[in-house]
Amino acid sequence: MDNRISEIRRQIRALRVSMLEAEAIMREQVNRDEDCSFVAGDILKMRTVMSLLVGERTMLGDSEPILVNSSFIPRRAPAAPRSVVAMPVKRHLVPAEKRAR
């Protein structure tokens, strides 16, 4: 049973790396306005396999987290610090005859 848990953990680790790579490819395709349905379908299939593996792993009694070291690129760039915006100044209308020339 220990060997089966180790094998499942290895498969999950490899599957996570593959999913991260596929998500990066899909993100690039979306940024270029290309069709990404094929890659998205593959990701859904990988999620299905992942779900089955996690279920089997849980049934075998393994609940420790599986860490994956990868060069993951965050989806969004960190937000830039916001600049301080000055409030608009109220302007009062003055009749033309009272204006200084």
C-alpha atoms as a PDB file:
ATOM      1  CA  MET A   1       0.000   0.000   0.000  1.00  0.00           C
ATOM      2  CA  ASP A   2       2.914   2.377   0.727  1.00  0.00           C
ATOM      3  CA  ASN A   3       4.235   1.866  -2.808  1.00  0.00           C
ATOM      4  CA  ARG A   4       0.826   2.707  -4.285  1.00  0.00           C
ATOM      5  CA  ILE A   5       0.657   5.953  -2.266  1.00  0.00           C
ATOM      6  CA  SER A   6       4.149   6.903  -3.445  1.00  0.00           C
ATOM      7  CA  GLU A   7       3.187   6.185  -7.040  1.00  0.00           C
ATOM      8  CA  ILE A   8       0.009   8.272  -6.753  1.00  0.00           C
ATOM      9  CA  ARG A   9       1.949  11.168  -5.200  1.00  0.00           C
ATOM     10  CA  ARG A  10       4.485  11.005  -8.051  1.00  0.00           C
ATOM     11  CA  GLN A  11       1.681  11.013 -10.647  1.00  0.00           C
ATOM     12  CA  ILE A  12      -0.043  13.963  -8.967  1.00  0.00           C
ATOM     13  CA  ARG A  13       3.221  15.916  -8.871  1.00  0.00           C
ATOM     14  CA  ALA A  14       3.840  15.280 -12.582  1.00  0.00           C
ATOM     15  CA  LEU A  15       0.235  16.104 -13.431  1.00  0.00           C
ATOM     16  CA  ARG A  16       0.419  19.425 -11.582  1.00  0.00           C
ATOM     17  CA  VAL A  17       3.516  20.446 -13.522  1.00  0.00           C
ATOM     18  CA  SER A  18       1.818  19.488 -16.803  1.00  0.00           C
ATOM     19  CA  MET A  19      -1.271  21.484 -15.847  1.00  0.00           C
ATOM     20  CA  LEU A  20       0.808  24.571 -15.029  1.00  0.00           C
ATOM     21  CA  GLU A  21       2.566  24.325 -18.391  1.00  0.00           C
ATOM     22  CA  ALA A  22      -0.746  23.873 -20.227  1.00  0.00           C
ATOM     23  CA  GLU A  23      -2.247  26.865 -18.398  1.00  0.00           C
ATOM     24  CA  ALA A  24       0.734  29.006 -19.422  1.00  0.00           C
ATOM     25  CA  ILE A  25       0.288  27.943 -23.058  1.00  0.00           C
ATOM     26  CA  MET A  26      -3.436  28.680 -22.885  1.00  0.00           C
ATOM     27  CA  ARG A  27      -2.764  32.107 -21.354  1.00  0.00           C
ATOM     28  CA  GLU A  28      -0.394  32.935 -24.223  1.00  0.00           C
ATOM     29  CA  GLN A  29      -3.003  31.832 -26.770  1.00  0.00           C
ATOM     30  CA  VAL A  30      -5.672  33.973 -25.120  1.00  0.00           C
ATOM     31  CA  ASN A  31      -3.319  36.978 -25.120  1.00  0.00           C
ATOM     32  CA  ARG A  32      -2.811  36.499 -28.885  1.00  0.00           C
ATOM     33  CA  ASP A  33      -6.579  36.057 -29.461  1.00  0.00           C
ATOM     34  CA  GLU A  34      -6.052  32.484 -30.683  1.00  0.00           C
ATOM     35  CA  ASP A  35      -8.352  29.508 -30.190  1.00  0.00           C
ATOM     36  CA  CYS A  36      -7.386  27.718 -26.969  1.00  0.00           C
ATOM     37  CA  SER A  37     -10.196  25.144 -26.842  1.00  0.00           C
ATOM     38  CA  PHE A  38      -7.860  22.182 -27.466  1.00  0.00           C
ATOM     39  CA  VAL A  39      -5.576  23.080 -24.558  1.00  0.00           C
ATOM     40  CA  ALA A  40      -8.573  23.889 -22.342  1.00  0.00           C
ATOM     41  CA  GLY A  41     -10.015  20.430 -23.092  1.00  0.00           C
ATOM     42  CA  ASP A  42      -6.709  18.845 -22.126  1.00  0.00           C
ATOM     43  CA  ILE A  43      -6.683  20.756 -18.835  1.00  0.00           C
ATOM     44  CA  LEU A  44     -10.201  19.515 -18.069  1.00  0.00           C
ATOM     45  CA  LYS A  45      -9.089  15.930 -18.741  1.00  0.00           C
ATOM     46  CA  MET A  46      -6.086  16.422 -16.451  1.00  0.00           C
ATOM     47  CA  ARG A  47      -8.388  17.746 -13.719  1.00  0.00           C
ATOM     48  CA  THR A  48     -10.559  14.648 -14.045  1.00  0.00           C
ATOM     49  CA  VAL A  49      -7.538  12.368 -13.677  1.00  0.00           C
ATOM     50  CA  MET A  50      -6.292  14.486 -10.763  1.00  0.00           C
ATOM     51  CA  SER A  51      -9.649  14.172  -9.020  1.00  0.00           C
ATOM     52  CA  LEU A  52      -9.581  10.379  -9.349  1.00  0.00           C
ATOM     53  CA  LEU A  53      -6.002  10.177  -8.056  1.00  0.00           C
ATOM     54  CA  VAL A  54      -6.772  12.412  -5.078  1.00  0.00           C
ATOM     55  CA  GLY A  55      -9.820  10.305  -4.244  1.00  0.00           C
ATOM     56  CA  GLU A  56      -7.794   7.100  -4.360  1.00  0.00           C
ATOM     57  CA  ARG A  57      -5.022   8.663  -2.305  1.00  0.00           C
ATOM     58  CA  THR A  58      -7.524   9.783   0.339  1.00  0.00           C
ATOM     59  CA  MET A  59      -9.062   6.303   0.487  1.00  0.00           C
ATOM     60  CA  LEU A  60      -5.592   4.880   1.158  1.00  0.00           C
ATOM     61  CA  GLY A  61      -5.249   7.245   4.129  1.00  0.00           C
ATOM     62  CA  ASP A  62      -2.718   9.763   2.800  1.00  0.00           C
ATOM     63  CA  SER A  63      -3.551  13.367   3.644  1.00  0.00           C
ATOM     64  CA  GLU A  64      -0.142  15.084   3.626  1.00  0.00           C
ATOM     65  CA  PRO A  65       0.246  18.003   1.208  1.00  0.00           C
ATOM     66  CA  ILE A  66       2.184  17.399  -1.999  1.00  0.00           C
ATOM     67  CA  LEU A  67       4.602  20.234  -2.755  1.00  0.00           C
ATOM     68  CA  VAL A  68       5.557  21.086  -6.315  1.00  0.00           C
ATOM     69  CA  ASN A  69       8.543  23.283  -7.123  1.00  0.00           C
ATOM     70  CA  SER A  70       8.004  25.000 -10.448  1.00  0.00           C
ATOM     71  CA  SER A  71       8.607  28.270 -12.196  1.00  0.00           C
ATOM     72  CA  PHE A  72       4.999  29.400 -11.952  1.00  0.00           C
ATOM     73  CA  ILE A  73       4.168  32.794 -13.365  1.00  0.00           C
ATOM     74  CA  PRO A  74       1.346  34.567 -11.513  1.00  0.00           C
ATOM     75  CA  ARG A  75      -1.770  35.284 -13.547  1.00  0.00           C
ATOM     76  CA  ARG A  76      -1.733  38.982 -12.871  1.00  0.00           C
ATOM     77  CA  ALA A  77       1.119  41.343 -12.339  1.00  0.00           C
ATOM     78  CA  PRO A  78       1.174  42.842  -8.855  1.00  0.00           C
ATOM     79  CA  ALA A  79      -0.875  45.988  -8.631  1.00  0.00           C
ATOM     80  CA  ALA A  80       1.116  49.174  -9.043  1.00  0.00           C
ATOM     81  CA  PRO A  81       0.879  51.599  -6.147  1.00  0.00           C
ATOM     82  CA  ARG A  82      -1.924  54.029  -6.723  1.00  0.00           C
ATOM     83  CA  SER A  83      -1.052  57.668  -7.136  1.00  0.00           C
ATOM     84  CA  VAL A  84      -2.741  60.283  -5.031  1.00  0.00           C
ATOM     85  CA  VAL A  85      -5.437  62.058  -6.993  1.00  0.00           C
ATOM     86  CA  ALA A  86      -6.118  65.701  -6.108  1.00  0.00           C
ATOM     87  CA  MET A  87      -9.735  66.646  -5.593  1.00  0.00           C
ATOM     88  CA  PRO A  88     -11.127  68.998  -8.244  1.00  0.00           C
ATOM     89  CA  VAL A  89     -11.260  72.647  -7.231  1.00  0.00           C
ATOM     90  CA  LYS A  90     -14.681  74.287  -7.080  1.00  0.00           C
ATOM     91  CA  ARG A  91     -14.812  77.261  -9.398  1.00  0.00           C
ATOM     92  CA  HIS A  92     -17.198  80.111  -8.924  1.00  0.00           C
ATOM     93  CA  LEU A  93     -18.591  81.993 -11.880  1.00  0.00           C
ATOM     94  CA  VAL A  94     -17.896  85.716 -11.843  1.00  0.00           C
ATOM     95  CA  PRO A  95     -19.756  88.168 -14.095  1.00  0.00           C
ATOM     96  CA  ALA A  96     -17.640  89.675 -16.879  1.00  0.00           C
ATOM     97  CA  GLU A  97     -17.871  93.238 -15.547  1.00  0.00           C
ATOM     98  CA  LYS A  98     -16.313  92.345 -12.187  1.00  0.00           C
ATOM     99  CA  ARG A  99     -13.298  90.648 -13.708  1.00  0.00           C
ATOM    100  CA  ALA A 100     -10.036  92.517 -13.576  1.00  0.00           C
ATOM    101  CA  ARG A 101      -8.645  93.536 -16.908  1.00  0.00           C
END
